[in-house]
């Protein structure tokens, strides 16, 4: 009877579980506000609040507002932090009075050159949102990619994976826990599909603004072959990440070296005690707390290594994307020149 009750409770909990997030539907006006905010203050780090509705597997983003500039500074005292919190509450209260969606569904932030979003601070911010509102998302805007490729090229919606969330709550990022959960660097973040939606009235108005001419200057700008500044900066940032990863690997190397030395010393002491017992002498202590060899050696966390590997993968993808576009343009220009 007890087993049947537990099975029924587990099945009920599974049925009542909220559906997984699959699509972030964002209105075109909100998208333009995010891109404009990030471009106007580039290369500074900017953040803002996302407002909308949670509808099953779709997270609708219907409005947003930027955070005050002082929240992006490094030195933030308690008074400034309180002012920022009061600003957010006042903004949502005003939106609620105006009958506008005021439900928080996440936040957006830009990615300044050389400053990747894959950091411990990003994970802590996501955990705070997760604990307060449940289902949430972060929209990352890269102004440099938006300027070059346009459209949604510089935008991505991210969330932390469920397996990583469980591991982060436990606070154990040892090698054994990562192997047990089968988590690699690719399992930290999940990218959610972004879908832009506009009302029928906005779509009809935009159709009246379409130019009559076939091509304009933006179409010719796409044929520019030069991508040297962006390529060089990504390679430089990639080298820095490789140096950081090498530092983390050195920490692991020293850890395994100390553990091996400790195990060898303990084994040597046990062999010595066996010889003393055979000679009729008292054995030496094997757990002497005053001896540094008996102190447990803490294993360094693998969290920073996972995040650095994510940054490396991000920079490699950007280099591959930029180089691929450059080769495509070069082939097109060579074909036109031959003709």
C-alpha atoms as a PDB file:
ATOM      1  CA  UNK A   1       0.000   0.000   0.000  1.00  0.00           C
ATOM      2  CA  UNK A   2       2.838   2.371   0.924  1.00  0.00           C
ATOM      3  CA  UNK A   3       4.659   1.550  -2.295  1.00  0.00           C
ATOM      4  CA  UNK A   4       1.506   2.244  -4.322  1.00  0.00           C
ATOM      5  CA  UNK A   5       1.047   5.589  -2.566  1.00  0.00           C
ATOM      6  CA  UNK A   6       4.658   6.586  -3.274  1.00  0.00           C
ATOM      7  CA  UNK A   7       4.320   5.604  -6.932  1.00  0.00           C
ATOM      8  CA  UNK A   8       1.106   7.616  -7.254  1.00  0.00           C
ATOM      9  CA  UNK A   9       2.723  10.645  -5.592  1.00  0.00           C
ATOM     10  CA  UNK A  10       5.737  10.409  -7.895  1.00  0.00           C
ATOM     11  CA  UNK A  11       3.538  10.145 -10.994  1.00  0.00           C
ATOM     12  CA  UNK A  12       1.426  13.120  -9.833  1.00  0.00           C
ATOM     13  CA  UNK A  13       4.558  15.199  -9.267  1.00  0.00           C
ATOM     14  CA  UNK A  14       5.817  14.255 -12.716  1.00  0.00           C
ATOM     15  CA  UNK A  15       2.512  15.281 -14.314  1.00  0.00           C
ATOM     16  CA  UNK A  16       2.408  18.605 -12.442  1.00  0.00           C
ATOM     17  CA  UNK A  17       6.000  19.458 -13.338  1.00  0.00           C
ATOM     18  CA  UNK A  18       6.248  22.632 -15.440  1.00  0.00           C
ATOM     19  CA  UNK A  19       7.029  22.051 -19.115  1.00  0.00           C
ATOM     20  CA  UNK A  20      10.558  22.682 -20.283  1.00  0.00           C
ATOM     21  CA  UNK A  21      11.324  25.982 -21.960  1.00  0.00           C
ATOM     22  CA  UNK A  22      11.726  25.603 -25.727  1.00  0.00           C
ATOM     23  CA  UNK A  23      11.097  28.995 -27.378  1.00  0.00           C
ATOM     24  CA  UNK A  24      11.649  32.617 -26.395  1.00  0.00           C
ATOM     25  CA  UNK A  25       9.134  34.757 -28.288  1.00  0.00           C
ATOM     26  CA  UNK A  26      10.186  38.395 -28.282  1.00  0.00           C
ATOM     27  CA  UNK A  27       8.381  41.347 -29.801  1.00  0.00           C
ATOM     28  CA  UNK A  28      10.164  43.343 -32.471  1.00  0.00           C
ATOM     29  CA  UNK A  29      10.016  46.605 -30.500  1.00  0.00           C
ATOM     30  CA  UNK A  30      11.615  44.963 -27.473  1.00  0.00           C
ATOM     31  CA  UNK A  31      14.321  43.532 -29.712  1.00  0.00           C
ATOM     32  CA  UNK A  32      15.121  46.966 -31.123  1.00  0.00           C
ATOM     33  CA  UNK A  33      15.234  48.490 -27.624  1.00  0.00           C
ATOM     34  CA  UNK A  34      17.740  45.852 -26.463  1.00  0.00           C
ATOM     35  CA  UNK A  35      20.001  46.271 -29.507  1.00  0.00           C
ATOM     36  CA  UNK A  36      19.882  50.078 -29.283  1.00  0.00           C
ATOM     37  CA  UNK A  37      20.729  50.083 -25.576  1.00  0.00           C
ATOM     38  CA  UNK A  38      23.686  47.760 -26.085  1.00  0.00           C
ATOM     39  CA  UNK A  39      24.987  49.670 -29.131  1.00  0.00           C
ATOM     40  CA  UNK A  40      24.653  53.147 -27.617  1.00  0.00           C
ATOM     41  CA  UNK A  41      26.757  52.294 -24.558  1.00  0.00           C
ATOM     42  CA  UNK A  42      29.170  49.893 -26.289  1.00  0.00           C
ATOM     43  CA  UNK A  43      31.816  48.785 -25.312  1.00  0.00           C
ATOM     44  CA  UNK A  44      30.522  49.154 -21.739  1.00  0.00           C
ATOM     45  CA  UNK A  45      28.613  46.341 -20.064  1.00  0.00           C
ATOM     46  CA  UNK A  46      24.888  47.088 -19.935  1.00  0.00           C
ATOM     47  CA  UNK A  47      22.048  45.096 -18.451  1.00  0.00           C
ATOM     48  CA  UNK A  48      18.292  45.377 -18.323  1.00  0.00           C
ATOM     49  CA  UNK A  49      15.134  43.656 -17.167  1.00  0.00           C
ATOM     50  CA  UNK A  50      12.929  41.447 -19.350  1.00  0.00           C
ATOM     51  CA  UNK A  51       9.185  41.474 -18.767  1.00  0.00           C
ATOM     52  CA  UNK A  52       6.559  39.187 -20.217  1.00  0.00           C
ATOM     53  CA  UNK A  53       4.552  36.021 -19.710  1.00  0.00           C
ATOM     54  CA  UNK A  54       5.329  32.354 -19.132  1.00  0.00           C
ATOM     55  CA  UNK A  55       3.023  30.303 -21.356  1.00  0.00           C
ATOM     56  CA  UNK A  56       3.910  26.614 -21.231  1.00  0.00           C
ATOM     57  CA  UNK A  57       6.963  25.917 -23.345  1.00  0.00           C
ATOM     58  CA  UNK A  58       7.050  29.515 -24.648  1.00  0.00           C
ATOM     59  CA  UNK A  59       8.435  32.476 -22.751  1.00  0.00           C
ATOM     60  CA  UNK A  60       6.945  35.663 -24.207  1.00  0.00           C
ATOM     61  CA  UNK A  61       9.016  38.838 -23.816  1.00  0.00           C
ATOM     62  CA  UNK A  62       6.694  41.797 -24.310  1.00  0.00           C
ATOM     63  CA  UNK A  63       8.644  44.639 -22.694  1.00  0.00           C
ATOM     64  CA  UNK A  64      12.006  45.585 -21.194  1.00  0.00           C
ATOM     65  CA  UNK A  65      13.749  48.464 -19.467  1.00  0.00           C
ATOM     66  CA  UNK A  66      17.448  49.188 -18.838  1.00  0.00           C
ATOM     67  CA  UNK A  67      19.119  49.164 -15.471  1.00  0.00           C
ATOM     68  CA  UNK A  68      20.735  52.419 -14.266  1.00  0.00           C
ATOM     69  CA  UNK A  69      24.303  52.952 -15.426  1.00  0.00           C
ATOM     70  CA  UNK A  70      25.736  52.863 -11.919  1.00  0.00           C
ATOM     71  CA  UNK A  71      24.793  49.190 -11.693  1.00  0.00           C
ATOM     72  CA  UNK A  72      27.412  48.378 -14.298  1.00  0.00           C
ATOM     73  CA  UNK A  73      30.246  49.906 -12.252  1.00  0.00           C
ATOM     74  CA  UNK A  74      32.643  47.699 -10.365  1.00  0.00           C
ATOM     75  CA  UNK A  75      32.505  49.547  -7.054  1.00  0.00           C
ATOM     76  CA  UNK A  76      28.885  49.395  -5.901  1.00  0.00           C
ATOM     77  CA  UNK A  77      28.163  50.298  -2.291  1.00  0.00           C
ATOM     78  CA  UNK A  78      25.070  49.256  -0.367  1.00  0.00           C
ATOM     79  CA  UNK A  79      23.349  52.620  -0.883  1.00  0.00           C
ATOM     80  CA  UNK A  80      23.761  52.458  -4.661  1.00  0.00           C
ATOM     81  CA  UNK A  81      22.513  48.866  -4.676  1.00  0.00           C
ATOM     82  CA  UNK A  82      19.397  49.921  -2.747  1.00  0.00           C
ATOM     83  CA  UNK A  83      18.779  52.753  -5.211  1.00  0.00           C
ATOM     84  CA  UNK A  84      18.962  50.278  -8.104  1.00  0.00           C
ATOM     85  CA  UNK A  85      16.518  47.912  -6.393  1.00  0.00           C
ATOM     86  CA  UNK A  86      14.075  50.744  -5.694  1.00  0.00           C
ATOM     87  CA  UNK A  87      14.397  51.863  -9.320  1.00  0.00           C
ATOM     88  CA  UNK A  88      13.353  48.420 -10.561  1.00  0.00           C
ATOM     89  CA  UNK A  89      10.380  48.297  -8.172  1.00  0.00           C
ATOM     90  CA  UNK A  90       9.247  51.783  -9.208  1.00  0.00           C
ATOM     91  CA  UNK A  91       9.536  50.909 -12.895  1.00  0.00           C
ATOM     92  CA  UNK A  92       7.474  47.736 -12.535  1.00  0.00           C
ATOM     93  CA  UNK A  93       4.900  49.599 -10.433  1.00  0.00           C
ATOM     94  CA  UNK A  94       4.539  52.264 -13.136  1.00  0.00           C
ATOM     95  CA  UNK A  95       4.208  49.599 -15.832  1.00  0.00           C
ATOM     96  CA  UNK A  96       1.578  47.824 -13.757  1.00  0.00           C
ATOM     97  CA  UNK A  97      -0.383  51.074 -13.372  1.00  0.00           C
ATOM     98  CA  UNK A  98      -0.230  51.548 -17.149  1.00  0.00           C
ATOM     99  CA  UNK A  99      -1.663  48.042 -17.647  1.00  0.00           C
ATOM    100  CA  UNK A 100       1.583  46.760 -19.203  1.00  0.00           C
ATOM    101  CA  UNK A 101       3.071  43.320 -18.527  1.00  0.00           C
ATOM    102  CA  UNK A 102       5.223  43.641 -15.410  1.00  0.00           C
ATOM    103  CA  UNK A 103       6.109  40.005 -14.789  1.00  0.00           C
ATOM    104  CA  UNK A 104       9.875  39.478 -14.686  1.00  0.00           C
ATOM    105  CA  UNK A 105      11.005  36.676 -17.016  1.00  0.00           C
ATOM    106  CA  UNK A 106      14.765  37.306 -17.001  1.00  0.00           C
ATOM    107  CA  UNK A 107      17.331  39.890 -17.983  1.00  0.00           C
ATOM    108  CA  UNK A 108      19.498  40.915 -20.913  1.00  0.00           C
ATOM    109  CA  UNK A 109      23.106  41.979 -21.054  1.00  0.00           C
ATOM    110  CA  UNK A 110      25.734  42.927 -23.593  1.00  0.00           C
ATOM    111  CA  UNK A 111      29.117  41.300 -24.154  1.00  0.00           C
ATOM    112  CA  UNK A 112      31.926  43.876 -24.301  1.00  0.00           C
ATOM    113  CA  UNK A 113      35.043  42.891 -26.279  1.00  0.00           C
ATOM    114  CA  UNK A 114      37.179  40.506 -24.254  1.00  0.00           C
ATOM    115  CA  UNK A 115      34.544  40.081 -21.540  1.00  0.00           C
ATOM    116  CA  UNK A 116      32.626  36.838 -21.962  1.00  0.00           C
ATOM    117  CA  UNK A 117      29.386  36.212 -20.140  1.00  0.00           C
ATOM    118  CA  UNK A 118      30.526  32.715 -19.059  1.00  0.00           C
ATOM    119  CA  UNK A 119      31.493  33.586 -15.501  1.00  0.00           C
ATOM    120  CA  UNK A 120      30.641  32.689 -11.924  1.00  0.00           C
ATOM    121  CA  UNK A 121      28.802  36.018 -11.538  1.00  0.00           C
ATOM    122  CA  UNK A 122      26.534  35.115 -14.457  1.00  0.00           C
ATOM    123  CA  UNK A 123      25.668  31.769 -12.851  1.00  0.00           C
ATOM    124  CA  UNK A 124      24.969  33.400  -9.479  1.00  0.00           C
ATOM    125  CA  UNK A 125      22.688  35.965 -11.134  1.00  0.00           C
ATOM    126  CA  UNK A 126      20.807  33.207 -12.941  1.00  0.00           C
ATOM    127  CA  UNK A 127      20.409  31.268  -9.687  1.00  0.00           C
ATOM    128  CA  UNK A 128      18.910  34.345  -7.993  1.00  0.00           C
ATOM    129  CA  UNK A 129      16.383  34.738 -10.804  1.00  0.00           C
ATOM    130  CA  UNK A 130      15.666  30.998 -10.763  1.00  0.00           C
ATOM    131  CA  UNK A 131      14.912  30.950  -7.055  1.00  0.00           C
ATOM    132  CA  UNK A 132      12.629  33.997  -7.232  1.00  0.00           C
ATOM    133  CA  UNK A 133      10.659  33.541 -10.455  1.00  0.00           C
ATOM    134  CA  UNK A 134      11.290  29.929 -11.516  1.00  0.00           C
ATOM    135  CA  UNK A 135      11.441  29.856 -15.308  1.00  0.00           C
ATOM    136  CA  UNK A 136      13.754  32.573 -16.633  1.00  0.00           C
ATOM    137  CA  UNK A 137      16.149  33.308 -19.477  1.00  0.00           C
ATOM    138  CA  UNK A 138      19.037  35.634 -20.280  1.00  0.00           C
ATOM    139  CA  UNK A 139      19.344  37.298 -23.690  1.00  0.00           C
ATOM    140  CA  UNK A 140      22.963  37.977 -24.660  1.00  0.00           C
ATOM    141  CA  UNK A 141      23.573  40.786 -27.157  1.00  0.00           C
ATOM    142  CA  UNK A 142      26.891  41.133 -28.987  1.00  0.00           C
ATOM    143  CA  UNK A 143      26.929  44.631 -30.565  1.00  0.00           C
ATOM    144  CA  UNK A 144      29.991  43.893 -32.718  1.00  0.00           C
ATOM    145  CA  UNK A 145      28.302  40.934 -34.431  1.00  0.00           C
ATOM    146  CA  UNK A 146      25.054  42.865 -34.836  1.00  0.00           C
ATOM    147  CA  UNK A 147      26.903  45.679 -36.608  1.00  0.00           C
ATOM    148  CA  UNK A 148      28.624  43.315 -39.048  1.00  0.00           C
ATOM    149  CA  UNK A 149      25.998  40.653 -39.721  1.00  0.00           C
ATOM    150  CA  UNK A 150      22.807  42.387 -38.565  1.00  0.00           C
ATOM    151  CA  UNK A 151      19.530  40.741 -37.651  1.00  0.00           C
ATOM    152  CA  UNK A 152      19.586  38.148 -34.878  1.00  0.00           C
ATOM    153  CA  UNK A 153      23.246  37.241 -35.458  1.00  0.00           C
ATOM    154  CA  UNK A 154      24.384  38.970 -32.268  1.00  0.00           C
ATOM    155  CA  UNK A 155      21.572  37.668 -30.041  1.00  0.00           C
ATOM    156  CA  UNK A 156      21.174  34.419 -28.173  1.00  0.00           C
ATOM    157  CA  UNK A 157      18.875  33.275 -25.373  1.00  0.00           C
ATOM    158  CA  UNK A 158      20.527  31.128 -22.714  1.00  0.00           C
ATOM    159  CA  UNK A 159      19.599  29.206 -19.606  1.00  0.00           C
ATOM    160  CA  UNK A 160      21.465  26.856 -17.306  1.00  0.00           C
ATOM    161  CA  UNK A 161      20.860  23.157 -17.877  1.00  0.00           C
ATOM    162  CA  UNK A 162      18.920  21.218 -15.229  1.00  0.00           C
ATOM    163  CA  UNK A 163      21.800  18.832 -14.539  1.00  0.00           C
ATOM    164  CA  UNK A 164      24.194  21.735 -13.981  1.00  0.00           C
ATOM    165  CA  UNK A 165      21.667  23.480 -11.713  1.00  0.00           C
ATOM    166  CA  UNK A 166      21.452  20.389  -9.530  1.00  0.00           C
ATOM    167  CA  UNK A 167      25.228  20.121  -9.390  1.00  0.00           C
ATOM    168  CA  UNK A 168      25.606  23.823  -8.582  1.00  0.00           C
ATOM    169  CA  UNK A 169      23.142  23.585  -5.698  1.00  0.00           C
ATOM    170  CA  UNK A 170      25.214  20.770  -4.215  1.00  0.00           C
ATOM    171  CA  UNK A 171      28.344  22.896  -4.574  1.00  0.00           C
ATOM    172  CA  UNK A 172      30.525  19.930  -5.501  1.00  0.00           C
ATOM    173  CA  UNK A 173      32.515  20.374  -8.714  1.00  0.00           C
ATOM    174  CA  UNK A 174      35.055  17.623  -8.199  1.00  0.00           C
ATOM    175  CA  UNK A 175      36.103  15.345 -11.008  1.00  0.00           C
ATOM    176  CA  UNK A 176      34.189  12.431  -9.497  1.00  0.00           C
ATOM    177  CA  UNK A 177      30.899  14.369  -9.313  1.00  0.00           C
ATOM    178  CA  UNK A 178      31.284  15.535 -12.920  1.00  0.00           C
ATOM    179  CA  UNK A 179      31.845  11.948 -14.038  1.00  0.00           C
ATOM    180  CA  UNK A 180      28.850  10.698 -12.029  1.00  0.00           C
ATOM    181  CA  UNK A 181      26.549  13.318 -13.559  1.00  0.00           C
ATOM    182  CA  UNK A 182      28.214  12.930 -16.981  1.00  0.00           C
ATOM    183  CA  UNK A 183      28.613  16.713 -17.308  1.00  0.00           C
ATOM    184  CA  UNK A 184      31.071  18.326 -19.684  1.00  0.00           C
ATOM    185  CA  UNK A 185      31.667  21.948 -20.639  1.00  0.00           C
ATOM    186  CA  UNK A 186      28.941  21.688 -23.317  1.00  0.00           C
ATOM    187  CA  UNK A 187      26.299  20.817 -20.678  1.00  0.00           C
ATOM    188  CA  UNK A 188      26.530  24.051 -18.670  1.00  0.00           C
ATOM    189  CA  UNK A 189      24.381  26.311 -20.859  1.00  0.00           C
ATOM    190  CA  UNK A 190      21.382  25.607 -23.082  1.00  0.00           C
ATOM    191  CA  UNK A 191      20.594  27.898 -25.998  1.00  0.00           C
ATOM    192  CA  UNK A 192      16.892  28.545 -26.527  1.00  0.00           C
ATOM    193  CA  UNK A 193      15.377  29.353 -29.915  1.00  0.00           C
ATOM    194  CA  UNK A 194      14.446  33.032 -30.378  1.00  0.00           C
ATOM    195  CA  UNK A 195      11.312  33.820 -32.338  1.00  0.00           C
ATOM    196  CA  UNK A 196      10.440  37.419 -33.238  1.00  0.00           C
ATOM    197  CA  UNK A 197       6.753  38.285 -33.344  1.00  0.00           C
ATOM    198  CA  UNK A 198       4.908  41.454 -34.335  1.00  0.00           C
ATOM    199  CA  UNK A 199       1.271  42.387 -34.295  1.00  0.00           C
ATOM    200  CA  UNK A 200      -0.648  42.528 -37.556  1.00  0.00           C
ATOM    201  CA  UNK A 201      -0.791  46.329 -37.323  1.00  0.00           C
ATOM    202  CA  UNK A 202       2.983  46.638 -36.935  1.00  0.00           C
ATOM    203  CA  UNK A 203       3.599  44.201 -39.795  1.00  0.00           C
ATOM    204  CA  UNK A 204       1.275  46.181 -42.062  1.00  0.00           C
ATOM    205  CA  UNK A 205       3.007  49.439 -41.142  1.00  0.00           C
ATOM    206  CA  UNK A 206       6.468  47.969 -41.763  1.00  0.00           C
ATOM    207  CA  UNK A 207       5.410  46.816 -45.220  1.00  0.00           C
ATOM    208  CA  UNK A 208       4.700  50.437 -46.149  1.00  0.00           C
ATOM    209  CA  UNK A 209       8.252  51.422 -45.163  1.00  0.00           C
ATOM    210  CA  UNK A 210       9.984  48.973 -47.491  1.00  0.00           C
ATOM    211  CA  UNK A 211      12.081  50.837 -50.092  1.00  0.00           C
ATOM    212  CA  UNK A 212      11.281  50.566 -53.770  1.00  0.00           C
ATOM    213  CA  UNK A 213      14.911  50.162 -54.849  1.00  0.00           C
ATOM    214  CA  UNK A 214      16.358  46.664 -54.999  1.00  0.00           C
ATOM    215  CA  UNK A 215      19.734  47.330 -53.375  1.00  0.00           C
ATOM    216  CA  UNK A 216      21.119  49.927 -50.989  1.00  0.00           C
ATOM    217  CA  UNK A 217      24.394  50.681 -49.229  1.00  0.00           C
ATOM    218  CA  UNK A 218      23.888  47.982 -46.603  1.00  0.00           C
ATOM    219  CA  UNK A 219      23.772  45.355 -49.353  1.00  0.00           C
ATOM    220  CA  UNK A 220      27.094  46.576 -50.744  1.00  0.00           C
ATOM    221  CA  UNK A 221      28.634  46.596 -47.263  1.00  0.00           C
ATOM    222  CA  UNK A 222      28.097  42.848 -47.077  1.00  0.00           C
ATOM    223  CA  UNK A 223      30.703  42.415 -49.817  1.00  0.00           C
ATOM    224  CA  UNK A 224      33.477  43.928 -47.707  1.00  0.00           C
ATOM    225  CA  UNK A 225      36.275  41.393 -47.395  1.00  0.00           C
ATOM    226  CA  UNK A 226      38.155  43.000 -44.535  1.00  0.00           C
ATOM    227  CA  UNK A 227      37.491  41.209 -41.224  1.00  0.00           C
ATOM    228  CA  UNK A 228      40.956  41.665 -39.774  1.00  0.00           C
ATOM    229  CA  UNK A 229      40.050  43.667 -36.613  1.00  0.00           C
ATOM    230  CA  UNK A 230      37.372  41.214 -35.493  1.00  0.00           C
ATOM    231  CA  UNK A 231      39.501  38.189 -36.332  1.00  0.00           C
ATOM    232  CA  UNK A 232      42.566  39.544 -34.522  1.00  0.00           C
ATOM    233  CA  UNK A 233      40.596  40.440 -31.403  1.00  0.00           C
ATOM    234  CA  UNK A 234      39.016  36.972 -31.215  1.00  0.00           C
ATOM    235  CA  UNK A 235      42.422  35.303 -31.600  1.00  0.00           C
ATOM    236  CA  UNK A 236      43.836  37.534 -28.862  1.00  0.00           C
ATOM    237  CA  UNK A 237      40.970  36.704 -26.498  1.00  0.00           C
ATOM    238  CA  UNK A 238      41.377  33.015 -27.348  1.00  0.00           C
ATOM    239  CA  UNK A 239      45.053  33.142 -26.340  1.00  0.00           C
ATOM    240  CA  UNK A 240      44.099  34.712 -23.006  1.00  0.00           C
ATOM    241  CA  UNK A 241      41.575  31.971 -22.349  1.00  0.00           C
ATOM    242  CA  UNK A 242      44.180  29.335 -23.162  1.00  0.00           C
ATOM    243  CA  UNK A 243      46.505  30.925 -20.594  1.00  0.00           C
ATOM    244  CA  UNK A 244      43.707  30.872 -17.994  1.00  0.00           C
ATOM    245  CA  UNK A 245      42.962  27.233 -18.769  1.00  0.00           C
ATOM    246  CA  UNK A 246      46.651  26.407 -18.433  1.00  0.00           C
ATOM    247  CA  UNK A 247      46.632  28.012 -14.963  1.00  0.00           C
ATOM    248  CA  UNK A 248      43.664  25.873 -13.911  1.00  0.00           C
ATOM    249  CA  UNK A 249      45.393  22.764 -15.234  1.00  0.00           C
ATOM    250  CA  UNK A 250      48.480  23.600 -13.182  1.00  0.00           C
ATOM    251  CA  UNK A 251      46.307  23.685 -10.053  1.00  0.00           C
ATOM    252  CA  UNK A 252      45.049  20.195 -10.839  1.00  0.00           C
ATOM    253  CA  UNK A 253      48.598  19.038 -11.560  1.00  0.00           C
ATOM    254  CA  UNK A 254      49.821  20.263  -8.165  1.00  0.00           C
ATOM    255  CA  UNK A 255      46.810  18.650  -6.481  1.00  0.00           C
ATOM    256  CA  UNK A 256      47.454  15.211  -7.981  1.00  0.00           C
ATOM    257  CA  UNK A 257      51.147  15.600  -7.229  1.00  0.00           C
ATOM    258  CA  UNK A 258      50.430  16.304  -3.541  1.00  0.00           C
ATOM    259  CA  UNK A 259      47.919  13.442  -3.340  1.00  0.00           C
ATOM    260  CA  UNK A 260      50.430  11.002  -4.857  1.00  0.00           C
ATOM    261  CA  UNK A 261      53.118  12.172  -2.448  1.00  0.00           C
ATOM    262  CA  UNK A 262      50.754  11.766   0.503  1.00  0.00           C
ATOM    263  CA  UNK A 263      49.714   8.270  -0.548  1.00  0.00           C
ATOM    264  CA  UNK A 264      53.348   7.261  -1.019  1.00  0.00           C
ATOM    265  CA  UNK A 265      54.244   8.575   2.435  1.00  0.00           C
ATOM    266  CA  UNK A 266      51.327   6.753   4.081  1.00  0.00           C
ATOM    267  CA  UNK A 267      52.245   3.516   2.316  1.00  0.00           C
ATOM    268  CA  UNK A 268      55.837   3.921   3.445  1.00  0.00           C
ATOM    269  CA  UNK A 269      54.679   4.437   7.048  1.00  0.00           C
ATOM    270  CA  UNK A 270      52.514   1.301   6.869  1.00  0.00           C
ATOM    271  CA  UNK A 271      55.430  -0.756   5.588  1.00  0.00           C
ATOM    272  CA  UNK A 272      57.567   0.591   8.388  1.00  0.00           C
ATOM    273  CA  UNK A 273      54.893  -0.339  10.963  1.00  0.00           C
ATOM    274  CA  UNK A 274      54.729  -3.861   9.580  1.00  0.00           C
ATOM    275  CA  UNK A 275      58.481  -4.167  10.074  1.00  0.00           C
ATOM    276  CA  UNK A 276      58.224  -2.753  13.621  1.00  0.00           C
ATOM    277  CA  UNK A 277      55.455  -5.211  14.478  1.00  0.00           C
ATOM    278  CA  UNK A 278      57.596  -8.087  13.207  1.00  0.00           C
ATOM    279  CA  UNK A 279      60.451  -6.837  15.411  1.00  0.00           C
ATOM    280  CA  UNK A 280      58.152  -6.546  18.449  1.00  0.00           C
ATOM    281  CA  UNK A 281      58.212  -2.728  18.546  1.00  0.00           C
ATOM    282  CA  UNK A 282      55.276  -0.351  18.889  1.00  0.00           C
ATOM    283  CA  UNK A 283      53.944   0.944  15.534  1.00  0.00           C
ATOM    284  CA  UNK A 284      54.182   4.595  14.654  1.00  0.00           C
ATOM    285  CA  UNK A 285      50.929   6.615  14.339  1.00  0.00           C
ATOM    286  CA  UNK A 286      49.468   6.796  10.853  1.00  0.00           C
ATOM    287  CA  UNK A 287      47.033   9.637  11.545  1.00  0.00           C
ATOM    288  CA  UNK A 288      49.217  12.218  13.264  1.00  0.00           C
ATOM    289  CA  UNK A 289      47.359  15.534  12.856  1.00  0.00           C
ATOM    290  CA  UNK A 290      50.535  17.527  13.466  1.00  0.00           C
ATOM    291  CA  UNK A 291      52.107  16.015  10.360  1.00  0.00           C
ATOM    292  CA  UNK A 292      51.101  17.893   7.170  1.00  0.00           C
ATOM    293  CA  UNK A 293      51.069  14.620   5.254  1.00  0.00           C
ATOM    294  CA  UNK A 294      47.971  13.497   7.190  1.00  0.00           C
ATOM    295  CA  UNK A 295      45.901  16.609   6.445  1.00  0.00           C
ATOM    296  CA  UNK A 296      43.269  16.085   3.726  1.00  0.00           C
ATOM    297  CA  UNK A 297      44.094  17.912   0.507  1.00  0.00           C
ATOM    298  CA  UNK A 298      41.067  19.753  -0.902  1.00  0.00           C
ATOM    299  CA  UNK A 299      40.428  19.086  -4.576  1.00  0.00           C
ATOM    300  CA  UNK A 300      40.237  22.284  -6.653  1.00  0.00           C
ATOM    301  CA  UNK A 301      36.856  23.088  -8.160  1.00  0.00           C
ATOM    302  CA  UNK A 302      36.362  22.322 -11.852  1.00  0.00           C
ATOM    303  CA  UNK A 303      33.752  25.084 -12.292  1.00  0.00           C
ATOM    304  CA  UNK A 304      36.221  27.678 -13.567  1.00  0.00           C
ATOM    305  CA  UNK A 305      37.672  25.157 -16.033  1.00  0.00           C
ATOM    306  CA  UNK A 306      34.183  24.443 -17.407  1.00  0.00           C
ATOM    307  CA  UNK A 307      33.495  28.145 -17.884  1.00  0.00           C
ATOM    308  CA  UNK A 308      36.873  28.830 -19.506  1.00  0.00           C
ATOM    309  CA  UNK A 309      36.311  25.938 -21.910  1.00  0.00           C
ATOM    310  CA  UNK A 310      32.942  27.471 -22.814  1.00  0.00           C
ATOM    311  CA  UNK A 311      34.670  30.751 -23.603  1.00  0.00           C
ATOM    312  CA  UNK A 312      37.241  28.977 -25.763  1.00  0.00           C
ATOM    313  CA  UNK A 313      34.476  27.230 -27.701  1.00  0.00           C
ATOM    314  CA  UNK A 314      32.659  30.551 -28.153  1.00  0.00           C
ATOM    315  CA  UNK A 315      35.760  32.303 -29.522  1.00  0.00           C
ATOM    316  CA  UNK A 316      36.532  29.358 -31.814  1.00  0.00           C
ATOM    317  CA  UNK A 317      33.007  29.463 -33.216  1.00  0.00           C
ATOM    318  CA  UNK A 318      33.312  33.195 -33.848  1.00  0.00           C
ATOM    319  CA  UNK A 319      36.648  32.747 -35.619  1.00  0.00           C
ATOM    320  CA  UNK A 320      35.188  29.929 -37.729  1.00  0.00           C
ATOM    321  CA  UNK A 321      32.156  32.063 -38.582  1.00  0.00           C
ATOM    322  CA  UNK A 322      34.150  35.165 -39.510  1.00  0.00           C
ATOM    323  CA  UNK A 323      36.691  33.204 -41.557  1.00  0.00           C
ATOM    324  CA  UNK A 324      33.922  31.313 -43.365  1.00  0.00           C
ATOM    325  CA  UNK A 325      32.135  34.508 -44.336  1.00  0.00           C
ATOM    326  CA  UNK A 326      35.399  36.068 -45.500  1.00  0.00           C
ATOM    327  CA  UNK A 327      36.219  33.089 -47.724  1.00  0.00           C
ATOM    328  CA  UNK A 328      32.714  33.164 -49.195  1.00  0.00           C
ATOM    329  CA  UNK A 329      33.018  36.864 -50.021  1.00  0.00           C
ATOM    330  CA  UNK A 330      36.483  36.342 -51.449  1.00  0.00           C
ATOM    331  CA  UNK A 331      35.241  33.572 -53.733  1.00  0.00           C
ATOM    332  CA  UNK A 332      32.388  35.791 -54.899  1.00  0.00           C
ATOM    333  CA  UNK A 333      34.689  38.738 -55.602  1.00  0.00           C
ATOM    334  CA  UNK A 334      37.137  36.521 -57.494  1.00  0.00           C
ATOM    335  CA  UNK A 335      34.314  35.124 -59.623  1.00  0.00           C
ATOM    336  CA  UNK A 336      33.077  38.651 -60.436  1.00  0.00           C
ATOM    337  CA  UNK A 337      36.608  39.754 -61.247  1.00  0.00           C
ATOM    338  CA  UNK A 338      37.134  36.822 -63.635  1.00  0.00           C
ATOM    339  CA  UNK A 339      33.899  37.650 -65.403  1.00  0.00           C
END
